[in-house]
Amino acid sequence: MFKKVLFCAILMLAFSCSKDDCTKTQTLYGGYGPYGPLPDKTIEVPCDFSDPVPIGEL
């Protein structure tokens, strides 16, 4: 989970220098941790960031 958030943060920093200010919001689903459910998080990503693929379609 932490790796996904870190990866998205790095991508956001990499694309923040572009001239295009278009962003969209994506939800990172928390899932379950050792002490119960984890909260969902929303992040802003560039418009050209690929949409997540459902697990069944990989």
PDB file of N, CA and C in Angstrom:
ATOM      1  N   MET A   1       0.825  -1.184   0.000  1.00  0.00           N
ATOM      2  CA  MET A   1       0.000   0.000   0.000  1.00  0.00           C
ATOM      3  C   MET A   1       0.873   1.252   0.000  1.00  0.00           C
ATOM      4  N   PHE A   2       1.862   1.265   0.901  1.00  0.00           N
ATOM      5  CA  PHE A   2       2.742   2.434   0.989  1.00  0.00           C
ATOM      6  C   PHE A   2       3.518   2.617  -0.307  1.00  0.00           C
ATOM      7  N   LYS A   3       3.910   1.509  -0.945  1.00  0.00           N
ATOM      8  CA  LYS A   3       4.667   1.601  -2.195  1.00  0.00           C
ATOM      9  C   LYS A   3       3.818   2.237  -3.290  1.00  0.00           C
ATOM     10  N   LYS A   4       2.514   1.922  -3.312  1.00  0.00           N
ATOM     11  CA  LYS A   4       1.631   2.499  -4.320  1.00  0.00           C
ATOM     12  C   LYS A   4       1.508   4.006  -4.126  1.00  0.00           C
ATOM     13  N   VAL A   5       1.347   4.420  -2.871  1.00  0.00           N
ATOM     14  CA  VAL A   5       1.210   5.846  -2.588  1.00  0.00           C
ATOM     15  C   VAL A   5       2.504   6.573  -2.924  1.00  0.00           C
ATOM     16  N   LEU A   6       3.635   5.974  -2.563  1.00  0.00           N
ATOM     17  CA  LEU A   6       4.930   6.578  -2.868  1.00  0.00           C
ATOM     18  C   LEU A   6       5.137   6.673  -4.378  1.00  0.00           C
ATOM     19  N   PHE A   7       4.786   5.619  -5.111  1.00  0.00           N
ATOM     20  CA  PHE A   7       4.916   5.618  -6.563  1.00  0.00           C
ATOM     21  C   PHE A   7       4.070   6.728  -7.184  1.00  0.00           C
ATOM     22  N   CYS A   8       2.827   6.870  -6.704  1.00  0.00           N
ATOM     23  CA  CYS A   8       1.959   7.922  -7.241  1.00  0.00           C
ATOM     24  C   CYS A   8       2.493   9.306  -6.901  1.00  0.00           C
ATOM     25  N   ALA A   9       3.050   9.463  -5.707  1.00  0.00           N
ATOM     26  CA  ALA A   9       3.610  10.757  -5.328  1.00  0.00           C
ATOM     27  C   ALA A   9       4.798  11.118  -6.214  1.00  0.00           C
ATOM     28  N   ILE A  10       5.637  10.144  -6.519  1.00  0.00           N
ATOM     29  CA  ILE A  10       6.784  10.382  -7.396  1.00  0.00           C
ATOM     30  C   ILE A  10       6.311  10.762  -8.796  1.00  0.00           C
ATOM     31  N   LEU A  11       5.293  10.066  -9.283  1.00  0.00           N
ATOM     32  CA  LEU A  11       4.758  10.403 -10.606  1.00  0.00           C
ATOM     33  C   LEU A  11       4.157  11.799 -10.618  1.00  0.00           C
ATOM     34  N   MET A  12       3.476  12.164  -9.552  1.00  0.00           N
ATOM     35  CA  MET A  12       2.904  13.502  -9.495  1.00  0.00           C
ATOM     36  C   MET A  12       4.002  14.554  -9.524  1.00  0.00           C
ATOM     37  N   LEU A  13       5.097  14.329  -8.821  1.00  0.00           N
ATOM     38  CA  LEU A  13       6.201  15.274  -8.843  1.00  0.00           C
ATOM     39  C   LEU A  13       6.846  15.349 -10.222  1.00  0.00           C
ATOM     40  N   ALA A  14       6.946  14.209 -10.887  1.00  0.00           N
ATOM     41  CA  ALA A  14       7.571  14.169 -12.209  1.00  0.00           C
ATOM     42  C   ALA A  14       6.740  14.941 -13.233  1.00  0.00           C
ATOM     43  N   PHE A  15       5.423  14.852 -13.124  1.00  0.00           N
ATOM     44  CA  PHE A  15       4.557  15.507 -14.094  1.00  0.00           C
ATOM     45  C   PHE A  15       4.142  16.910 -13.675  1.00  0.00           C
ATOM     46  N   SER A  16       4.505  17.346 -12.474  1.00  0.00           N
ATOM     47  CA  SER A  16       4.078  18.659 -12.013  1.00  0.00           C
ATOM     48  C   SER A  16       4.780  19.791 -12.752  1.00  0.00           C
ATOM     49  N   CYS A  17       5.884  19.509 -13.417  1.00  0.00           N
ATOM     50  CA  CYS A  17       6.625  20.546 -14.122  1.00  0.00           C
ATOM     51  C   CYS A  17       6.112  20.789 -15.534  1.00  0.00           C
ATOM     52  N   SER A  18       5.152  20.027 -15.987  1.00  0.00           N
ATOM     53  CA  SER A  18       4.654  20.195 -17.343  1.00  0.00           C
ATOM     54  C   SER A  18       3.822  21.471 -17.456  1.00  0.00           C
ATOM     55  N   LYS A  19       3.651  21.963 -18.662  1.00  0.00           N
ATOM     56  CA  LYS A  19       2.894  23.190 -18.898  1.00  0.00           C
ATOM     57  C   LYS A  19       1.396  22.944 -18.838  1.00  0.00           C
ATOM     58  N   ASP A  20       0.967  21.709 -19.052  1.00  0.00           N
ATOM     59  CA  ASP A  20      -0.443  21.367 -19.017  1.00  0.00           C
ATOM     60  C   ASP A  20      -0.870  21.176 -17.563  1.00  0.00           C
ATOM     61  N   ASP A  21      -1.840  21.966 -17.115  1.00  0.00           N
ATOM     62  CA  ASP A  21      -2.282  21.911 -15.731  1.00  0.00           C
ATOM     63  C   ASP A  21      -3.486  21.002 -15.520  1.00  0.00           C
ATOM     64  N   CYS A  22      -3.813  20.172 -16.476  1.00  0.00           N
ATOM     65  CA  CYS A  22      -4.968  19.292 -16.372  1.00  0.00           C
ATOM     66  C   CYS A  22      -4.675  18.163 -15.378  1.00  0.00           C
ATOM     67  N   THR A  23      -5.543  18.003 -14.382  1.00  0.00           N
ATOM     68  CA  THR A  23      -5.404  16.912 -13.420  1.00  0.00           C
ATOM     69  C   THR A  23      -6.745  16.234 -13.223  1.00  0.00           C
ATOM     70  N   LYS A  24      -6.708  15.021 -12.734  1.00  0.00           N
ATOM     71  CA  LYS A  24      -7.920  14.290 -12.370  1.00  0.00           C
ATOM     72  C   LYS A  24      -7.675  13.614 -11.029  1.00  0.00           C
ATOM     73  N   THR A  25      -8.735  13.216 -10.379  1.00  0.00           N
ATOM     74  CA  THR A  25      -8.641  12.604  -9.058  1.00  0.00           C
ATOM     75  C   THR A  25      -8.822  11.102  -9.185  1.00  0.00           C
ATOM     76  N   GLN A  26      -7.944  10.340  -8.543  1.00  0.00           N
ATOM     77  CA  GLN A  26      -8.072   8.889  -8.493  1.00  0.00           C
ATOM     78  C   GLN A  26      -8.142   8.452  -7.044  1.00  0.00           C
ATOM     79  N   THR A  27      -8.882   7.387  -6.789  1.00  0.00           N
ATOM     80  CA  THR A  27      -9.029   6.860  -5.442  1.00  0.00           C
ATOM     81  C   THR A  27      -8.157   5.621  -5.288  1.00  0.00           C
ATOM     82  N   LEU A  28      -7.348   5.617  -4.248  1.00  0.00           N
ATOM     83  CA  LEU A  28      -6.559   4.445  -3.892  1.00  0.00           C
ATOM     84  C   LEU A  28      -7.316   3.739  -2.776  1.00  0.00           C
ATOM     85  N   TYR A  29      -7.806   2.542  -3.072  1.00  0.00           N
ATOM     86  CA  TYR A  29      -8.598   1.816  -2.086  1.00  0.00           C
ATOM     87  C   TYR A  29      -7.683   1.241  -1.020  1.00  0.00           C
ATOM     88  N   GLY A  30      -8.053   1.433   0.235  1.00  0.00           N
ATOM     89  CA  GLY A  30      -7.223   1.060   1.368  1.00  0.00           C
ATOM     90  C   GLY A  30      -7.043  -0.430   1.536  1.00  0.00           C
ATOM     91  N   GLY A  31      -8.083  -1.194   1.329  1.00  0.00           N
ATOM     92  CA  GLY A  31      -7.980  -2.627   1.543  1.00  0.00           C
ATOM     93  C   GLY A  31      -8.008  -2.946   3.026  1.00  0.00           C
ATOM     94  N   TYR A  32      -7.327  -4.031   3.409  1.00  0.00           N
ATOM     95  CA  TYR A  32      -7.319  -4.461   4.801  1.00  0.00           C
ATOM     96  C   TYR A  32      -5.892  -4.577   5.293  1.00  0.00           C
ATOM     97  N   GLY A  33      -5.661  -4.098   6.479  1.00  0.00           N
ATOM     98  CA  GLY A  33      -4.360  -4.199   7.117  1.00  0.00           C
ATOM     99  C   GLY A  33      -4.435  -5.186   8.267  1.00  0.00           C
ATOM    100  N   PRO A  34      -3.371  -5.310   9.023  1.00  0.00           N
ATOM    101  CA  PRO A  34      -3.352  -6.276  10.127  1.00  0.00           C
ATOM    102  C   PRO A  34      -4.331  -5.918  11.251  1.00  0.00           C
ATOM    103  N   TYR A  35      -4.763  -4.658  11.338  1.00  0.00           N
ATOM    104  CA  TYR A  35      -5.655  -4.237  12.412  1.00  0.00           C
ATOM    105  C   TYR A  35      -7.025  -3.843  11.912  1.00  0.00           C
ATOM    106  N   GLY A  36      -7.371  -4.204  10.686  1.00  0.00           N
ATOM    107  CA  GLY A  36      -8.685  -3.889  10.155  1.00  0.00           C
ATOM    108  C   GLY A  36      -8.585  -3.133   8.847  1.00  0.00           C
ATOM    109  N   PRO A  37      -9.723  -2.598   8.395  1.00  0.00           N
ATOM    110  CA  PRO A  37      -9.733  -1.904   7.099  1.00  0.00           C
ATOM    111  C   PRO A  37      -8.922  -0.613   7.137  1.00  0.00           C
ATOM    112  N   LEU A  38      -8.275  -0.327   6.017  1.00  0.00           N
ATOM    113  CA  LEU A  38      -7.498   0.898   5.870  1.00  0.00           C
ATOM    114  C   LEU A  38      -8.341   1.927   5.118  1.00  0.00           C
ATOM    115  N   PRO A  39      -8.180   3.210   5.408  1.00  0.00           N
ATOM    116  CA  PRO A  39      -8.995   4.223   4.729  1.00  0.00           C
ATOM    117  C   PRO A  39      -8.604   4.393   3.265  1.00  0.00           C
ATOM    118  N   ASP A  40      -9.588   4.756   2.457  1.00  0.00           N
ATOM    119  CA  ASP A  40      -9.324   5.072   1.052  1.00  0.00           C
ATOM    120  C   ASP A  40      -8.637   6.430   0.983  1.00  0.00           C
ATOM    121  N   LYS A  41      -7.804   6.622  -0.038  1.00  0.00           N
ATOM    122  CA  LYS A  41      -7.128   7.903  -0.230  1.00  0.00           C
ATOM    123  C   LYS A  41      -7.385   8.372  -1.648  1.00  0.00           C
ATOM    124  N   THR A  42      -7.517   9.673  -1.814  1.00  0.00           N
ATOM    125  CA  THR A  42      -7.671  10.243  -3.148  1.00  0.00           C
ATOM    126  C   THR A  42      -6.435  11.071  -3.451  1.00  0.00           C
ATOM    127  N   ILE A  43      -5.982  10.973  -4.701  1.00  0.00           N
ATOM    128  CA  ILE A  43      -4.814  11.721  -5.144  1.00  0.00           C
ATOM    129  C   ILE A  43      -5.149  12.395  -6.469  1.00  0.00           C
ATOM    130  N   GLU A  44      -4.447  13.453  -6.759  1.00  0.00           N
ATOM    131  CA  GLU A  44      -4.584  14.123  -8.049  1.00  0.00           C
ATOM    132  C   GLU A  44      -3.450  13.661  -8.946  1.00  0.00           C
ATOM    133  N   VAL A  45      -3.799  13.263 -10.163  1.00  0.00           N
ATOM    134  CA  VAL A  45      -2.815  12.800 -11.138  1.00  0.00           C
ATOM    135  C   VAL A  45      -3.021  13.569 -12.434  1.00  0.00           C
ATOM    136  N   PRO A  46      -2.018  13.625 -13.302  1.00  0.00           N
ATOM    137  CA  PRO A  46      -2.187  14.291 -14.599  1.00  0.00           C
ATOM    138  C   PRO A  46      -3.269  13.597 -15.424  1.00  0.00           C
ATOM    139  N   CYS A  47      -3.875  14.329 -16.322  1.00  0.00           N
ATOM    140  CA  CYS A  47      -4.951  13.775 -17.150  1.00  0.00           C
ATOM    141  C   CYS A  47      -4.476  12.610 -18.021  1.00  0.00           C
ATOM    142  N   ASP A  48      -3.207  12.598 -18.407  1.00  0.00           N
ATOM    143  CA  ASP A  48      -2.722  11.512 -19.251  1.00  0.00           C
ATOM    144  C   ASP A  48      -2.256  10.297 -18.445  1.00  0.00           C
ATOM    145  N   PHE A  49      -2.446  10.309 -17.134  1.00  0.00           N
ATOM    146  CA  PHE A  49      -2.110   9.163 -16.278  1.00  0.00           C
ATOM    147  C   PHE A  49      -3.099   8.047 -16.571  1.00  0.00           C
ATOM    148  N   SER A  50      -2.618   6.824 -16.738  1.00  0.00           N
ATOM    149  CA  SER A  50      -3.499   5.719 -17.119  1.00  0.00           C
ATOM    150  C   SER A  50      -4.448   5.364 -15.983  1.00  0.00           C
ATOM    151  N   ASP A  51      -5.664   4.964 -16.350  1.00  0.00           N
ATOM    152  CA  ASP A  51      -6.657   4.549 -15.366  1.00  0.00           C
ATOM    153  C   ASP A  51      -6.283   3.170 -14.831  1.00  0.00           C
ATOM    154  N   PRO A  52      -6.624   2.885 -13.578  1.00  0.00           N
ATOM    155  CA  PRO A  52      -6.309   1.565 -13.022  1.00  0.00           C
ATOM    156  C   PRO A  52      -7.067   0.462 -13.744  1.00  0.00           C
ATOM    157  N   VAL A  53      -6.434  -0.684 -13.862  1.00  0.00           N
ATOM    158  CA  VAL A  53      -7.050  -1.846 -14.513  1.00  0.00           C
ATOM    159  C   VAL A  53      -7.548  -2.774 -13.426  1.00  0.00           C
ATOM    160  N   PRO A  54      -8.831  -3.193 -13.490  1.00  0.00           N
ATOM    161  CA  PRO A  54      -9.329  -4.134 -12.493  1.00  0.00           C
ATOM    162  C   PRO A  54      -8.499  -5.426 -12.505  1.00  0.00           C
ATOM    163  N   ILE A  55      -8.390  -6.049 -11.345  1.00  0.00           N
ATOM    164  CA  ILE A  55      -7.522  -7.221 -11.195  1.00  0.00           C
ATOM    165  C   ILE A  55      -7.913  -8.345 -12.155  1.00  0.00           C
ATOM    166  N   GLY A  56      -9.191  -8.546 -12.409  1.00  0.00           N
ATOM    167  CA  GLY A  56      -9.641  -9.622 -13.285  1.00  0.00           C
ATOM    168  C   GLY A  56      -9.244  -9.421 -14.746  1.00  0.00           C
ATOM    169  N   GLU A  57      -8.863  -8.216 -15.129  1.00  0.00           N
ATOM    170  CA  GLU A  57      -8.548  -7.925 -16.527  1.00  0.00           C
ATOM    171  C   GLU A  57      -7.053  -7.897 -16.818  1.00  0.00           C
ATOM    172  N   LEU A  58      -6.232  -8.232 -15.843  1.00  0.00           N
ATOM    173  CA  LEU A  58      -4.781  -8.200 -16.064  1.00  0.00           C
ATOM    174  C   LEU A  58      -4.313  -9.343 -16.919  1.00  0.00           C
TER     175      LEU A  58
END
